[in-house]
Protein backbone atom coordinates (compact mmCIF):
# COMPACT_ATOMS: atom_id res chain seq x y z
CA MET A 1 2.76 -37.69 97.16
CA ALA A 2 2.26 -38.87 100.59
CA SER A 3 2.37 -42.14 100.74
CA ALA A 4 6.18 -42.62 98.74
CA HIS A 5 7.39 -40.02 101.58
CA GLY A 6 5.96 -42.10 104.60
CA ASP A 7 2.37 -40.70 105.60
CA HIS A 8 -0.45 -43.38 104.29
CA ALA A 9 -3.23 -41.00 106.20
CA GLY A 10 -2.04 -38.58 104.24
CA LYS A 11 -2.27 -35.60 106.88
CA GLU A 12 1.50 -34.59 108.41
CA LEU A 13 3.55 -33.89 104.80
CA PRO A 14 4.71 -30.48 105.94
CA PHE A 15 3.35 -27.67 103.32
CA ASP A 16 7.25 -27.08 101.76
CA LEU A 17 7.90 -30.61 100.77
CA VAL A 18 4.82 -30.85 99.63
CA MET A 19 5.33 -27.61 97.71
CA ALA A 20 8.92 -28.56 96.44
CA ASN A 21 6.96 -31.70 95.44
CA VAL A 22 5.29 -29.81 92.86
CA GLU A 23 8.24 -27.48 91.60
CA ARG A 24 10.00 -31.00 90.60
CA ILE A 25 7.12 -32.46 88.80
CA VAL A 26 6.38 -28.17 86.52
CA ALA A 27 9.69 -28.18 86.24
CA ARG A 28 10.68 -31.52 84.60
CA VAL A 29 6.44 -32.57 82.57
CA ALA A 30 5.00 -30.51 79.22
CA VAL A 31 1.10 -30.17 80.19
CA PRO A 32 -0.05 -28.64 82.89
CA PRO A 33 -0.31 -30.69 86.46
CA SER A 34 -2.79 -30.18 90.03
CA LEU A 35 -2.52 -31.29 93.30
CA ASP A 36 -5.03 -32.55 95.16
CA VAL A 37 -5.21 -31.42 98.73
CA ALA A 38 -7.77 -33.70 100.76
CA ILE A 39 -6.38 -32.30 103.96
CA GLY A 40 -6.13 -28.08 104.05
CA TYR A 41 -2.95 -26.43 105.40
CA GLY A 42 -5.55 -23.63 108.07
CA LYS A 43 -8.64 -23.05 108.74
CA HIS A 44 -9.47 -20.25 106.31
CA ALA A 45 -9.28 -19.58 102.48
CA SER A 46 -6.81 -16.83 103.40
CA LYS A 47 -3.70 -18.01 105.43
CA LEU A 48 -3.85 -21.02 102.92
CA CYS A 49 -2.70 -18.46 99.83
CA ARG A 50 -0.43 -17.13 103.21
CA ASP A 51 0.92 -20.67 103.35
CA LYS A 52 2.11 -20.97 99.74
């Protein structure tokens, strides 16, 4: 996903853009997708939960 948006290292994609892409995928597939977030969006899980 990051590479398709020009972020070949996968470290600069805004969380809102990631979620917008995930929402488009979910709306079009019949199977449950998964999302591999290799680089977190916060140092603590509590921040990641707030950002979703």
